[in-house]
Amino acid sequence: MIVHDLSPEAVGQMVRTDLATATEEPESPIGTFDFHGCITGVASFSGRPPWEYHEGDELLHILEGRSRLTIRQDGQDKIRDLRAGELVIVPRGCWHRSDAPDGVTMLYLTPVAGSRHSWEDEPG
């Protein structure tokens, strides 16, 4: 059995990584674990990580803060502002990225197979 405290109090104590000064991918405050072919953990950061692409759907649950999610689908960007309590499924096969200038903490279930990252303005 795996149990993690994701109460508002526990999440509020997690240290956010400023991606502008990060030199490597930040570790999850709860560690990571495999869940049905997905890497699962918590990301707590401010700034904008690279574009991501996965061959399976990705689940993101905003625990604290806000994030602007951009999903590139059928050649168009779909943008959604996410806040604490919201859960989003990013469709498979879509480049996407988050932007959290004031910080966000999110639970993620990210497919391992077929995942790619790009720091380019136009990924792919």
PDB file of N, CA and C in Angstrom:
ATOM      1  N   MET A   1       0.851  -1.171   0.000  1.00  0.00           N
ATOM      2  CA  MET A   1       0.000   0.000   0.000  1.00  0.00           C
ATOM      3  C   MET A   1       0.895   1.232   0.000  1.00  0.00           C
ATOM      4  N   ILE A   2       0.534   2.198  -0.837  1.00  0.00           N
ATOM      5  CA  ILE A   2       1.243   3.478  -0.884  1.00  0.00           C
ATOM      6  C   ILE A   2       0.275   4.553  -0.407  1.00  0.00           C
ATOM      7  N   VAL A   3       0.678   5.328   0.581  1.00  0.00           N
ATOM      8  CA  VAL A   3      -0.148   6.418   1.100  1.00  0.00           C
ATOM      9  C   VAL A   3       0.694   7.682   1.127  1.00  0.00           C
ATOM     10  N   HIS A   4       0.165   8.760   0.565  1.00  0.00           N
ATOM     11  CA  HIS A   4       0.838  10.064   0.581  1.00  0.00           C
ATOM     12  C   HIS A   4      -0.129  11.108   1.099  1.00  0.00           C
ATOM     13  N   ASP A   5       0.366  12.006   1.919  1.00  0.00           N
ATOM     14  CA  ASP A   5      -0.441  13.102   2.449  1.00  0.00           C
ATOM     15  C   ASP A   5      -0.461  14.238   1.432  1.00  0.00           C
ATOM     16  N   LEU A   6      -1.601  14.452   0.803  1.00  0.00           N
ATOM     17  CA  LEU A   6      -1.768  15.564  -0.146  1.00  0.00           C
ATOM     18  C   LEU A   6      -2.822  16.535   0.374  1.00  0.00           C
ATOM     19  N   SER A   7      -2.927  16.615   1.686  1.00  0.00           N
ATOM     20  CA  SER A   7      -3.835  17.579   2.297  1.00  0.00           C
ATOM     21  C   SER A   7      -3.352  18.994   1.994  1.00  0.00           C
ATOM     22  N   PRO A   8      -4.231  19.992   2.086  1.00  0.00           N
ATOM     23  CA  PRO A   8      -3.800  21.374   1.841  1.00  0.00           C
ATOM     24  C   PRO A   8      -2.605  21.779   2.718  1.00  0.00           C
ATOM     25  N   GLU A   9      -2.566  21.287   3.948  1.00  0.00           N
ATOM     26  CA  GLU A   9      -1.449  21.626   4.836  1.00  0.00           C
ATOM     27  C   GLU A   9      -0.135  21.047   4.316  1.00  0.00           C
ATOM     28  N   ALA A  10      -0.147  19.777   3.907  1.00  0.00           N
ATOM     29  CA  ALA A  10       1.059  19.126   3.400  1.00  0.00           C
ATOM     30  C   ALA A  10       1.517  19.764   2.085  1.00  0.00           C
ATOM     31  N   VAL A  11       0.572  20.025   1.199  1.00  0.00           N
ATOM     32  CA  VAL A  11       0.908  20.643  -0.090  1.00  0.00           C
ATOM     33  C   VAL A  11       1.466  22.047   0.133  1.00  0.00           C
ATOM     34  N   GLY A  12       0.907  22.775   1.086  1.00  0.00           N
ATOM     35  CA  GLY A  12       1.374  24.125   1.375  1.00  0.00           C
ATOM     36  C   GLY A  12       2.805  24.174   1.872  1.00  0.00           C
ATOM     37  N   GLN A  13       3.326  23.070   2.391  1.00  0.00           N
ATOM     38  CA  GLN A  13       4.703  23.023   2.877  1.00  0.00           C
ATOM     39  C   GLN A  13       5.705  22.575   1.818  1.00  0.00           C
ATOM     40  N   MET A  14       5.216  22.165   0.645  1.00  0.00           N
ATOM     41  CA  MET A  14       6.124  21.722  -0.421  1.00  0.00           C
ATOM     42  C   MET A  14       6.851  22.923  -1.009  1.00  0.00           C
ATOM     43  N   VAL A  15       8.127  22.745  -1.260  1.00  0.00           N
ATOM     44  CA  VAL A  15       8.957  23.813  -1.811  1.00  0.00           C
ATOM     45  C   VAL A  15       8.846  23.789  -3.331  1.00  0.00           C
ATOM     46  N   ARG A  16       8.482  24.930  -3.901  1.00  0.00           N
ATOM     47  CA  ARG A  16       8.379  25.024  -5.357  1.00  0.00           C
ATOM     48  C   ARG A  16       9.751  25.313  -5.961  1.00  0.00           C
ATOM     49  N   THR A  17      10.010  24.699  -7.098  1.00  0.00           N
ATOM     50  CA  THR A  17      11.245  24.940  -7.832  1.00  0.00           C
ATOM     51  C   THR A  17      11.016  26.044  -8.840  1.00  0.00           C
ATOM     52  N   ASP A  18      11.900  27.031  -8.863  1.00  0.00           N
ATOM     53  CA  ASP A  18      11.854  28.085  -9.877  1.00  0.00           C
ATOM     54  C   ASP A  18      12.543  27.542 -11.121  1.00  0.00           C
ATOM     55  N   LEU A  19      11.780  27.285 -12.161  1.00  0.00           N
ATOM     56  CA  LEU A  19      12.332  26.660 -13.364  1.00  0.00           C
ATOM     57  C   LEU A  19      13.339  27.557 -14.086  1.00  0.00           C
ATOM     58  N   ALA A  20      13.304  28.865 -13.811  1.00  0.00           N
ATOM     59  CA  ALA A  20      14.266  29.776 -14.446  1.00  0.00           C
ATOM     60  C   ALA A  20      15.687  29.510 -13.959  1.00  0.00           C
ATOM     61  N   THR A  21      15.815  28.929 -12.778  1.00  0.00           N
ATOM     62  CA  THR A  21      17.147  28.667 -12.227  1.00  0.00           C
ATOM     63  C   THR A  21      17.461  27.177 -12.127  1.00  0.00           C
ATOM     64  N   ALA A  22      16.527  26.324 -12.513  1.00  0.00           N
ATOM     65  CA  ALA A  22      16.739  24.876 -12.421  1.00  0.00           C
ATOM     66  C   ALA A  22      17.726  24.404 -13.477  1.00  0.00           C
ATOM     67  N   THR A  23      18.592  23.481 -13.092  1.00  0.00           N
ATOM     68  CA  THR A  23      19.562  22.916 -14.035  1.00  0.00           C
ATOM     69  C   THR A  23      19.219  21.475 -14.406  1.00  0.00           C
ATOM     70  N   GLU A  24      18.227  20.902 -13.732  1.00  0.00           N
ATOM     71  CA  GLU A  24      17.749  19.562 -14.059  1.00  0.00           C
ATOM     72  C   GLU A  24      16.288  19.465 -13.644  1.00  0.00           C
ATOM     73  N   GLU A  25      15.643  18.397 -14.084  1.00  0.00           N
ATOM     74  CA  GLU A  25      14.231  18.231 -13.749  1.00  0.00           C
ATOM     75  C   GLU A  25      14.081  18.075 -12.237  1.00  0.00           C
ATOM     76  N   PRO A  26      13.203  18.876 -11.625  1.00  0.00           N
ATOM     77  CA  PRO A  26      13.033  18.789 -10.170  1.00  0.00           C
ATOM     78  C   PRO A  26      12.435  17.454  -9.747  1.00  0.00           C
ATOM     79  N   GLU A  27      12.818  17.013  -8.547  1.00  0.00           N
ATOM     80  CA  GLU A  27      12.256  15.784  -8.004  1.00  0.00           C
ATOM     81  C   GLU A  27      10.851  16.038  -7.476  1.00  0.00           C
ATOM     82  N   SER A  28      10.045  15.010  -7.495  1.00  0.00           N
ATOM     83  CA  SER A  28       8.706  15.078  -6.925  1.00  0.00           C
ATOM     84  C   SER A  28       8.817  15.103  -5.405  1.00  0.00           C
ATOM     85  N   PRO A  29       8.093  16.008  -4.723  1.00  0.00           N
ATOM     86  CA  PRO A  29       8.137  16.046  -3.259  1.00  0.00           C
ATOM     87  C   PRO A  29       7.688  14.750  -2.582  1.00  0.00           C
ATOM     88  N   ILE A  30       6.936  13.917  -3.281  1.00  0.00           N
ATOM     89  CA  ILE A  30       6.496  12.639  -2.702  1.00  0.00           C
ATOM     90  C   ILE A  30       7.229  11.465  -3.340  1.00  0.00           C
ATOM     91  N   GLY A  31       8.237  11.741  -4.163  1.00  0.00           N
ATOM     92  CA  GLY A  31       8.872  10.682  -4.933  1.00  0.00           C
ATOM     93  C   GLY A  31       7.984  10.317  -6.108  1.00  0.00           C
ATOM     94  N   THR A  32       8.373   9.327  -6.853  1.00  0.00           N
ATOM     95  CA  THR A  32       7.555   8.882  -7.982  1.00  0.00           C
ATOM     96  C   THR A  32       7.304   7.386  -7.850  1.00  0.00           C
ATOM     97  N   PHE A  33       6.253   6.939  -8.507  1.00  0.00           N
ATOM     98  CA  PHE A  33       5.937   5.516  -8.527  1.00  0.00           C
ATOM     99  C   PHE A  33       5.205   5.211  -9.822  1.00  0.00           C
ATOM    100  N   ASP A  34       5.266   3.939 -10.217  1.00  0.00           N
ATOM    101  CA  ASP A  34       4.609   3.496 -11.438  1.00  0.00           C
ATOM    102  C   ASP A  34       3.144   3.182 -11.141  1.00  0.00           C
ATOM    103  N   PHE A  35       2.276   3.612 -12.036  1.00  0.00           N
ATOM    104  CA  PHE A  35       0.856   3.291 -11.925  1.00  0.00           C
ATOM    105  C   PHE A  35       0.343   2.968 -13.320  1.00  0.00           C
ATOM    106  N   HIS A  36       0.211   1.698 -13.634  1.00  0.00           N
ATOM    107  CA  HIS A  36      -0.328   1.233 -14.915  1.00  0.00           C
ATOM    108  C   HIS A  36       0.364   1.892 -16.107  1.00  0.00           C
ATOM    109  N   GLY A  37       1.677   1.860 -16.116  1.00  0.00           N
ATOM    110  CA  GLY A  37       2.431   2.399 -17.233  1.00  0.00           C
ATOM    111  C   GLY A  37       2.642   3.898 -17.202  1.00  0.00           C
ATOM    112  N   CYS A  38       2.248   4.537 -16.106  1.00  0.00           N
ATOM    113  CA  CYS A  38       2.440   5.978 -15.940  1.00  0.00           C
ATOM    114  C   CYS A  38       3.411   6.237 -14.794  1.00  0.00           C
ATOM    115  N   ILE A  39       4.223   7.254 -14.939  1.00  0.00           N
ATOM    116  CA  ILE A  39       5.026   7.743 -13.827  1.00  0.00           C
ATOM    117  C   ILE A  39       4.135   8.722 -13.077  1.00  0.00           C
ATOM    118  N   THR A  40       4.063   8.557 -11.777  1.00  0.00           N
ATOM    119  CA  THR A  40       3.148   9.338 -10.967  1.00  0.00           C
ATOM    120  C   THR A  40       3.919  10.047  -9.871  1.00  0.00           C
ATOM    121  N   GLY A  41       3.586  11.313  -9.646  1.00  0.00           N
ATOM    122  CA  GLY A  41       4.247  12.093  -8.612  1.00  0.00           C
ATOM    123  C   GLY A  41       3.578  13.446  -8.479  1.00  0.00           C
ATOM    124  N   VAL A  42       4.290  14.376  -7.845  1.00  0.00           N
ATOM    125  CA  VAL A  42       3.817  15.743  -7.674  1.00  0.00           C
ATOM    126  C   VAL A  42       4.862  16.683  -8.236  1.00  0.00           C
ATOM    127  N   ALA A  43       4.428  17.643  -9.027  1.00  0.00           N
ATOM    128  CA  ALA A  43       5.304  18.702  -9.524  1.00  0.00           C
ATOM    129  C   ALA A  43       4.930  19.981  -8.789  1.00  0.00           C
ATOM    130  N   SER A  44       5.930  20.645  -8.236  1.00  0.00           N
ATOM    131  CA  SER A  44       5.696  21.905  -7.537  1.00  0.00           C
ATOM    132  C   SER A  44       6.721  22.897  -8.074  1.00  0.00           C
ATOM    133  N   PHE A  45       6.244  23.850  -8.893  1.00  0.00           N
ATOM    134  CA  PHE A  45       7.180  24.724  -9.599  1.00  0.00           C
ATOM    135  C   PHE A  45       6.564  26.078  -9.893  1.00  0.00           C
ATOM    136  N   SER A  46       7.432  27.004 -10.253  1.00  0.00           N
ATOM    137  CA  SER A  46       6.998  28.267 -10.847  1.00  0.00           C
ATOM    138  C   SER A  46       7.762  28.405 -12.157  1.00  0.00           C
ATOM    139  N   GLY A  47       7.137  29.034 -13.129  1.00  0.00           N
ATOM    140  CA  GLY A  47       7.748  29.176 -14.442  1.00  0.00           C
ATOM    141  C   GLY A  47       7.080  28.281 -15.465  1.00  0.00           C
ATOM    142  N   ARG A  48       7.835  28.001 -16.535  1.00  0.00           N
ATOM    143  CA  ARG A  48       7.261  27.219 -17.635  1.00  0.00           C
ATOM    144  C   ARG A  48       8.189  26.070 -17.998  1.00  0.00           C
ATOM    145  N   PRO A  49       7.728  24.838 -17.797  1.00  0.00           N
ATOM    146  CA  PRO A  49       8.506  23.676 -18.228  1.00  0.00           C
ATOM    147  C   PRO A  49       8.445  23.540 -19.747  1.00  0.00           C
ATOM    148  N   PRO A  50       9.200  22.594 -20.317  1.00  0.00           N
ATOM    149  CA  PRO A  50       9.182  22.430 -21.775  1.00  0.00           C
ATOM    150  C   PRO A  50       7.851  21.878 -22.266  1.00  0.00           C
ATOM    151  N   TRP A  51       7.672  21.955 -23.588  1.00  0.00           N
ATOM    152  CA  TRP A  51       6.546  21.273 -24.210  1.00  0.00           C
ATOM    153  C   TRP A  51       6.698  19.776 -23.939  1.00  0.00           C
ATOM    154  N   GLU A  52       5.573  19.076 -23.835  1.00  0.00           N
ATOM    155  CA  GLU A  52       5.560  17.626 -23.641  1.00  0.00           C
ATOM    156  C   GLU A  52       4.634  16.985 -24.666  1.00  0.00           C
ATOM    157  N   TYR A  53       4.931  15.724 -24.961  1.00  0.00           N
ATOM    158  CA  TYR A  53       4.118  14.935 -25.879  1.00  0.00           C
ATOM    159  C   TYR A  53       4.085  13.507 -25.337  1.00  0.00           C
ATOM    160  N   HIS A  54       2.915  12.896 -25.301  1.00  0.00           N
ATOM    161  CA  HIS A  54       2.784  11.524 -24.804  1.00  0.00           C
ATOM    162  C   HIS A  54       1.878  10.724 -25.733  1.00  0.00           C
ATOM    163  N   GLU A  55       2.175   9.443 -25.873  1.00  0.00           N
ATOM    164  CA  GLU A  55       1.349   8.566 -26.707  1.00  0.00           C
ATOM    165  C   GLU A  55       0.111   8.079 -25.973  1.00  0.00           C
ATOM    166  N   GLY A  56      -0.023   8.422 -24.702  1.00  0.00           N
ATOM    167  CA  GLY A  56      -1.217   8.098 -23.917  1.00  0.00           C
ATOM    168  C   GLY A  56      -1.746   9.358 -23.263  1.00  0.00           C
ATOM    169  N   ASP A  57      -2.966   9.299 -22.754  1.00  0.00           N
ATOM    170  CA  ASP A  57      -3.547  10.440 -22.047  1.00  0.00           C
ATOM    171  C   ASP A  57      -2.764  10.710 -20.758  1.00  0.00           C
ATOM    172  N   GLU A  58      -2.659  11.981 -20.394  1.00  0.00           N
ATOM    173  CA  GLU A  58      -1.996  12.381 -19.147  1.00  0.00           C
ATOM    174  C   GLU A  58      -3.026  13.021 -18.233  1.00  0.00           C
ATOM    175  N   LEU A  59      -2.960  12.701 -16.946  1.00  0.00           N
ATOM    176  CA  LEU A  59      -3.863  13.278 -15.957  1.00  0.00           C
ATOM    177  C   LEU A  59      -3.086  14.284 -15.109  1.00  0.00           C
ATOM    178  N   LEU A  60      -3.658  15.481 -14.942  1.00  0.00           N
ATOM    179  CA  LEU A  60      -3.087  16.521 -14.088  1.00  0.00           C
ATOM    180  C   LEU A  60      -4.169  16.972 -13.114  1.00  0.00           C
ATOM    181  N   HIS A  61      -3.830  17.025 -11.823  1.00  0.00           N
ATOM    182  CA  HIS A  61      -4.763  17.505 -10.804  1.00  0.00           C
ATOM    183  C   HIS A  61      -4.077  18.652 -10.065  1.00  0.00           C
ATOM    184  N   ILE A  62      -4.632  19.853 -10.171  1.00  0.00           N
ATOM    185  CA  ILE A  62      -4.046  21.025  -9.536  1.00  0.00           C
ATOM    186  C   ILE A  62      -4.362  20.976  -8.041  1.00  0.00           C
ATOM    187  N   LEU A  63      -3.316  20.918  -7.231  1.00  0.00           N
ATOM    188  CA  LEU A  63      -3.475  20.844  -5.782  1.00  0.00           C
ATOM    189  C   LEU A  63      -3.425  22.223  -5.141  1.00  0.00           C
ATOM    190  N   GLU A  64      -2.599  23.111  -5.694  1.00  0.00           N
ATOM    191  CA  GLU A  64      -2.453  24.457  -5.144  1.00  0.00           C
ATOM    192  C   GLU A  64      -1.905  25.369  -6.241  1.00  0.00           C
ATOM    193  N   GLY A  65      -2.332  26.619  -6.229  1.00  0.00           N
ATOM    194  CA  GLY A  65      -1.835  27.592  -7.199  1.00  0.00           C
ATOM    195  C   GLY A  65      -2.648  27.593  -8.480  1.00  0.00           C
ATOM    196  N   ARG A  66      -2.024  28.167  -9.518  1.00  0.00           N
ATOM    197  CA  ARG A  66      -2.685  28.293 -10.824  1.00  0.00           C
ATOM    198  C   ARG A  66      -1.686  27.966 -11.924  1.00  0.00           C
ATOM    199  N   SER A  67      -2.228  27.531 -13.044  1.00  0.00           N
ATOM    200  CA  SER A  67      -1.400  27.226 -14.205  1.00  0.00           C
ATOM    201  C   SER A  67      -2.206  27.471 -15.470  1.00  0.00           C
ATOM    202  N   ARG A  68      -1.550  27.987 -16.472  1.00  0.00           N
ATOM    203  CA  ARG A  68      -2.168  28.140 -17.793  1.00  0.00           C
ATOM    204  C   ARG A  68      -1.684  26.985 -18.657  1.00  0.00           C
ATOM    205  N   LEU A  69      -2.604  26.122 -19.040  1.00  0.00           N
ATOM    206  CA  LEU A  69      -2.282  24.947 -19.840  1.00  0.00           C
ATOM    207  C   LEU A  69      -2.563  25.245 -21.300  1.00  0.00           C
ATOM    208  N   THR A  70      -1.577  25.011 -22.136  1.00  0.00           N
ATOM    209  CA  THR A  70      -1.734  25.142 -23.583  1.00  0.00           C
ATOM    210  C   THR A  70      -1.626  23.753 -24.193  1.00  0.00           C
ATOM    211  N   ILE A  71      -2.640  23.374 -24.954  1.00  0.00           N
ATOM    212  CA  ILE A  71      -2.643  22.101 -25.670  1.00  0.00           C
ATOM    213  C   ILE A  71      -2.705  22.403 -27.149  1.00  0.00           C
ATOM    214  N   ARG A  72      -1.743  21.911 -27.895  1.00  0.00           N
ATOM    215  CA  ARG A  72      -1.730  22.088 -29.352  1.00  0.00           C
ATOM    216  C   ARG A  72      -2.415  20.874 -29.969  1.00  0.00           C
ATOM    217  N   GLN A  73      -3.600  21.119 -30.539  1.00  0.00           N
ATOM    218  CA  GLN A  73      -4.409  20.033 -31.088  1.00  0.00           C
ATOM    219  C   GLN A  73      -4.919  20.443 -32.466  1.00  0.00           C
ATOM    220  N   ASP A  74      -4.675  19.602 -33.450  1.00  0.00           N
ATOM    221  CA  ASP A  74      -5.100  19.871 -34.831  1.00  0.00           C
ATOM    222  C   ASP A  74      -4.587  21.218 -35.326  1.00  0.00           C
ATOM    223  N   GLY A  75      -3.329  21.543 -34.959  1.00  0.00           N
ATOM    224  CA  GLY A  75      -2.707  22.773 -35.438  1.00  0.00           C
ATOM    225  C   GLY A  75      -3.135  24.041 -34.723  1.00  0.00           C
ATOM    226  N   GLN A  76      -3.978  23.929 -33.710  1.00  0.00           N
ATOM    227  CA  GLN A  76      -4.435  25.114 -32.971  1.00  0.00           C
ATOM    228  C   GLN A  76      -4.129  24.958 -31.493  1.00  0.00           C
ATOM    229  N   ASP A  77      -3.840  26.094 -30.846  1.00  0.00           N
ATOM    230  CA  ASP A  77      -3.598  26.092 -29.410  1.00  0.00           C
ATOM    231  C   ASP A  77      -4.902  26.296 -28.667  1.00  0.00           C
ATOM    232  N   LYS A  78      -5.165  25.386 -27.736  1.00  0.00           N
ATOM    233  CA  LYS A  78      -6.305  25.519 -26.830  1.00  0.00           C
ATOM    234  C   LYS A  78      -5.725  25.852 -25.473  1.00  0.00           C
ATOM    235  N   ILE A  79      -6.177  26.956 -24.885  1.00  0.00           N
ATOM    236  CA  ILE A  79      -5.607  27.454 -23.633  1.00  0.00           C
ATOM    237  C   ILE A  79      -6.675  27.442 -22.558  1.00  0.00           C
ATOM    238  N   ARG A  80      -6.271  26.969 -21.385  1.00  0.00           N
ATOM    239  CA  ARG A  80      -7.195  26.904 -20.255  1.00  0.00           C
ATOM    240  C   ARG A  80      -6.446  27.291 -18.988  1.00  0.00           C
ATOM    241  N   ASP A  81      -6.993  28.225 -18.234  1.00  0.00           N
ATOM    242  CA  ASP A  81      -6.445  28.577 -16.935  1.00  0.00           C
ATOM    243  C   ASP A  81      -6.993  27.585 -15.916  1.00  0.00           C
ATOM    244  N   LEU A  82      -6.080  26.919 -15.208  1.00  0.00           N
ATOM    245  CA  LEU A  82      -6.452  25.908 -14.224  1.00  0.00           C
ATOM    246  C   LEU A  82      -6.172  26.429 -12.825  1.00  0.00           C
ATOM    247  N   ARG A  83      -7.011  26.042 -11.879  1.00  0.00           N
ATOM    248  CA  ARG A  83      -6.832  26.473 -10.480  1.00  0.00           C
ATOM    249  C   ARG A  83      -6.959  25.256  -9.577  1.00  0.00           C
ATOM    250  N   ALA A  84      -6.618  25.456  -8.316  1.00  0.00           N
ATOM    251  CA  ALA A  84      -6.648  24.373  -7.337  1.00  0.00           C
ATOM    252  C   ALA A  84      -8.006  23.673  -7.347  1.00  0.00           C
ATOM    253  N   GLY A  85      -7.951  22.351  -7.321  1.00  0.00           N
ATOM    254  CA  GLY A  85      -9.158  21.536  -7.307  1.00  0.00           C
ATOM    255  C   GLY A  85      -9.547  21.008  -8.671  1.00  0.00           C
ATOM    256  N   GLU A  86      -9.007  21.598  -9.737  1.00  0.00           N
ATOM    257  CA  GLU A  86      -9.384  21.137 -11.079  1.00  0.00           C
ATOM    258  C   GLU A  86      -8.501  19.974 -11.521  1.00  0.00           C
ATOM    259  N   LEU A  87      -9.112  19.094 -12.289  1.00  0.00           N
ATOM    260  CA  LEU A  87      -8.448  17.930 -12.845  1.00  0.00           C
ATOM    261  C   LEU A  87      -8.627  17.983 -14.356  1.00  0.00           C
ATOM    262  N   VAL A  88      -7.554  17.740 -15.083  1.00  0.00           N
ATOM    263  CA  VAL A  88      -7.632  17.795 -16.540  1.00  0.00           C
ATOM    264  C   VAL A  88      -6.991  16.535 -17.124  1.00  0.00           C
ATOM    265  N   ILE A  89      -7.568  16.060 -18.204  1.00  0.00           N
ATOM    266  CA  ILE A  89      -6.987  14.962 -18.976  1.00  0.00           C
ATOM    267  C   ILE A  89      -6.436  15.578 -20.254  1.00  0.00           C
ATOM    268  N   VAL A  90      -5.127  15.473 -20.444  1.00  0.00           N
ATOM    269  CA  VAL A  90      -4.491  15.956 -21.676  1.00  0.00           C
ATOM    270  C   VAL A  90      -4.567  14.808 -22.675  1.00  0.00           C
ATOM    271  N   PRO A  91      -5.205  15.037 -23.831  1.00  0.00           N
ATOM    272  CA  PRO A  91      -5.369  13.945 -24.794  1.00  0.00           C
ATOM    273  C   PRO A  91      -4.036  13.449 -25.357  1.00  0.00           C
ATOM    274  N   ARG A  92      -3.984  12.164 -25.590  1.00  0.00           N
ATOM    275  CA  ARG A  92      -2.788  11.555 -26.197  1.00  0.00           C
ATOM    276  C   ARG A  92      -2.485  12.209 -27.539  1.00  0.00           C
ATOM    277  N   GLY A  93      -1.195  12.261 -27.856  1.00  0.00           N
ATOM    278  CA  GLY A  93      -0.776  12.755 -29.165  1.00  0.00           C
ATOM    279  C   GLY A  93      -0.835  14.260 -29.338  1.00  0.00           C
ATOM    280  N   CYS A  94      -0.919  15.010 -28.247  1.00  0.00           N
ATOM    281  CA  CYS A  94      -0.971  16.477 -28.324  1.00  0.00           C
ATOM    282  C   CYS A  94       0.228  17.081 -27.586  1.00  0.00           C
ATOM    283  N   TRP A  95       0.939  17.972 -28.254  1.00  0.00           N
ATOM    284  CA  TRP A  95       1.962  18.736 -27.546  1.00  0.00           C
ATOM    285  C   TRP A  95       1.243  19.652 -26.556  1.00  0.00           C
ATOM    286  N   HIS A  96       1.826  19.835 -25.374  1.00  0.00           N
ATOM    287  CA  HIS A  96       1.207  20.678 -24.356  1.00  0.00           C
ATOM    288  C   HIS A  96       2.272  21.195 -23.392  1.00  0.00           C
ATOM    289  N   ARG A  97       1.929  22.291 -22.710  1.00  0.00           N
ATOM    290  CA  ARG A  97       2.808  22.816 -21.668  1.00  0.00           C
ATOM    291  C   ARG A  97       2.012  23.676 -20.707  1.00  0.00           C
ATOM    292  N   SER A  98       2.577  23.820 -19.522  1.00  0.00           N
ATOM    293  CA  SER A  98       1.977  24.640 -18.474  1.00  0.00           C
ATOM    294  C   SER A  98       2.815  25.895 -18.292  1.00  0.00           C
ATOM    295  N   ASP A  99       2.188  26.936 -17.808  1.00  0.00           N
ATOM    296  CA  ASP A  99       2.894  28.160 -17.451  1.00  0.00           C
ATOM    297  C   ASP A  99       2.333  28.610 -16.110  1.00  0.00           C
ATOM    298  N   ALA A 100       3.210  28.680 -15.112  1.00  0.00           N
ATOM    299  CA  ALA A 100       2.772  29.019 -13.752  1.00  0.00           C
ATOM    300  C   ALA A 100       3.708  30.082 -13.175  1.00  0.00           C
ATOM    301  N   PRO A 101       3.575  31.336 -13.618  1.00  0.00           N
ATOM    302  CA  PRO A 101       4.501  32.368 -13.140  1.00  0.00           C
ATOM    303  C   PRO A 101       4.441  32.573 -11.626  1.00  0.00           C
ATOM    304  N   ASP A 102       3.281  32.353 -11.019  1.00  0.00           N
ATOM    305  CA  ASP A 102       3.141  32.533  -9.573  1.00  0.00           C
ATOM    306  C   ASP A 102       3.220  31.219  -8.805  1.00  0.00           C
ATOM    307  N   GLY A 103       3.383  30.114  -9.507  1.00  0.00           N
ATOM    308  CA  GLY A 103       3.570  28.816  -8.879  1.00  0.00           C
ATOM    309  C   GLY A 103       2.345  27.927  -8.904  1.00  0.00           C
ATOM    310  N   VAL A 104       2.612  26.626  -8.987  1.00  0.00           N
ATOM    311  CA  VAL A 104       1.567  25.618  -8.994  1.00  0.00           C
ATOM    312  C   VAL A 104       2.129  24.335  -8.385  1.00  0.00           C
ATOM    313  N   THR A 105       1.257  23.572  -7.780  1.00  0.00           N
ATOM    314  CA  THR A 105       1.600  22.230  -7.324  1.00  0.00           C
ATOM    315  C   THR A 105       0.537  21.308  -7.894  1.00  0.00           C
ATOM    316  N   MET A 106       0.981  20.279  -8.619  1.00  0.00           N
ATOM    317  CA  MET A 106       0.030  19.381  -9.281  1.00  0.00           C
ATOM    318  C   MET A 106       0.449  17.934  -9.161  1.00  0.00           C
ATOM    319  N   LEU A 107      -0.547  17.072  -9.037  1.00  0.00           N
ATOM    320  CA  LEU A 107      -0.364  15.636  -9.122  1.00  0.00           C
ATOM    321  C   LEU A 107      -0.411  15.275 -10.598  1.00  0.00           C
ATOM    322  N   TYR A 108       0.501  14.408 -11.033  1.00  0.00           N
ATOM    323  CA  TYR A 108       0.494  14.000 -12.442  1.00  0.00           C
ATOM    324  C   TYR A 108       0.565  12.492 -12.571  1.00  0.00           C
ATOM    325  N   LEU A 109      -0.074  11.983 -13.606  1.00  0.00           N
ATOM    326  CA  LEU A 109       0.050  10.600 -14.050  1.00  0.00           C
ATOM    327  C   LEU A 109       0.423  10.702 -15.521  1.00  0.00           C
ATOM    328  N   THR A 110       1.701  10.502 -15.805  1.00  0.00           N
ATOM    329  CA  THR A 110       2.246  10.729 -17.140  1.00  0.00           C
ATOM    330  C   THR A 110       2.668   9.412 -17.777  1.00  0.00           C
ATOM    331  N   PRO A 111       2.132   9.100 -18.962  1.00  0.00           N
ATOM    332  CA  PRO A 111       2.534   7.864 -19.643  1.00  0.00           C
ATOM    333  C   PRO A 111       4.042   7.842 -19.885  1.00  0.00           C
ATOM    334  N   VAL A 112       4.647   6.696 -19.634  1.00  0.00           N
ATOM    335  CA  VAL A 112       6.088   6.557 -19.829  1.00  0.00           C
ATOM    336  C   VAL A 112       6.405   6.337 -21.309  1.00  0.00           C
ATOM    337  N   ALA A 113       5.683   5.447 -21.949  1.00  0.00           N
ATOM    338  CA  ALA A 113       5.964   5.098 -23.345  1.00  0.00           C
ATOM    339  C   ALA A 113       5.648   6.263 -24.269  1.00  0.00           C
ATOM    340  N   GLY A 114       6.587   6.568 -25.145  1.00  0.00           N
ATOM    341  CA  GLY A 114       6.348   7.576 -26.174  1.00  0.00           C
ATOM    342  C   GLY A 114       6.353   9.008 -25.701  1.00  0.00           C
ATOM    343  N   SER A 115       6.951   9.289 -24.557  1.00  0.00           N
ATOM    344  CA  SER A 115       6.996  10.671 -24.066  1.00  0.00           C
ATOM    345  C   SER A 115       8.199  11.402 -24.646  1.00  0.00           C
ATOM    346  N   ARG A 116       7.962  12.657 -25.025  1.00  0.00           N
ATOM    347  CA  ARG A 116       9.025  13.514 -25.554  1.00  0.00           C
ATOM    348  C   ARG A 116       8.897  14.893 -24.933  1.00  0.00           C
ATOM    349  N   HIS A 117      10.006  15.647 -24.947  1.00  0.00           N
ATOM    350  CA  HIS A 117      10.046  17.022 -24.444  1.00  0.00           C
ATOM    351  C   HIS A 117      10.711  17.909 -25.475  1.00  0.00           C
ATOM    352  N   SER A 118      10.330  19.189 -25.510  1.00  0.00           N
ATOM    353  CA  SER A 118      10.940  20.144 -26.432  1.00  0.00           C
ATOM    354  C   SER A 118      10.938  21.542 -25.803  1.00  0.00           C
ATOM    355  N   TRP A 119      12.099  22.190 -25.815  1.00  0.00           N
ATOM    356  CA  TRP A 119      12.214  23.564 -25.348  1.00  0.00           C
ATOM    357  C   TRP A 119      11.999  24.543 -26.491  1.00  0.00           C
ATOM    358  N   GLU A 120      11.808  24.051 -27.713  1.00  0.00           N
ATOM    359  CA  GLU A 120      11.598  24.901 -28.875  1.00  0.00           C
ATOM    360  C   GLU A 120      10.235  25.596 -28.807  1.00  0.00           C
ATOM    361  N   ASP A 121      10.134  26.771 -29.435  1.00  0.00           N
ATOM    362  CA  ASP A 121       8.839  27.463 -29.490  1.00  0.00           C
ATOM    363  C   ASP A 121       7.816  26.661 -30.296  1.00  0.00           C
ATOM    364  N   GLU A 122       8.300  25.976 -31.314  1.00  0.00           N
ATOM    365  CA  GLU A 122       7.438  25.136 -32.150  1.00  0.00           C
ATOM    366  C   GLU A 122       7.898  23.688 -31.989  1.00  0.00           C
ATOM    367  N   PRO A 123       7.286  22.946 -31.072  1.00  0.00           N
ATOM    368  CA  PRO A 123       7.751  21.571 -30.822  1.00  0.00           C
ATOM    369  C   PRO A 123       7.421  20.649 -31.979  1.00  0.00           C
ATOM    370  N   GLY A 124       8.067  19.518 -31.971  1.00  0.00           N
ATOM    371  CA  GLY A 124       7.735  18.494 -32.952  1.00  0.00           C
ATOM    372  C   GLY A 124       8.918  18.042 -33.632  1.00  0.00           C
TER     373      GLY A 124
END
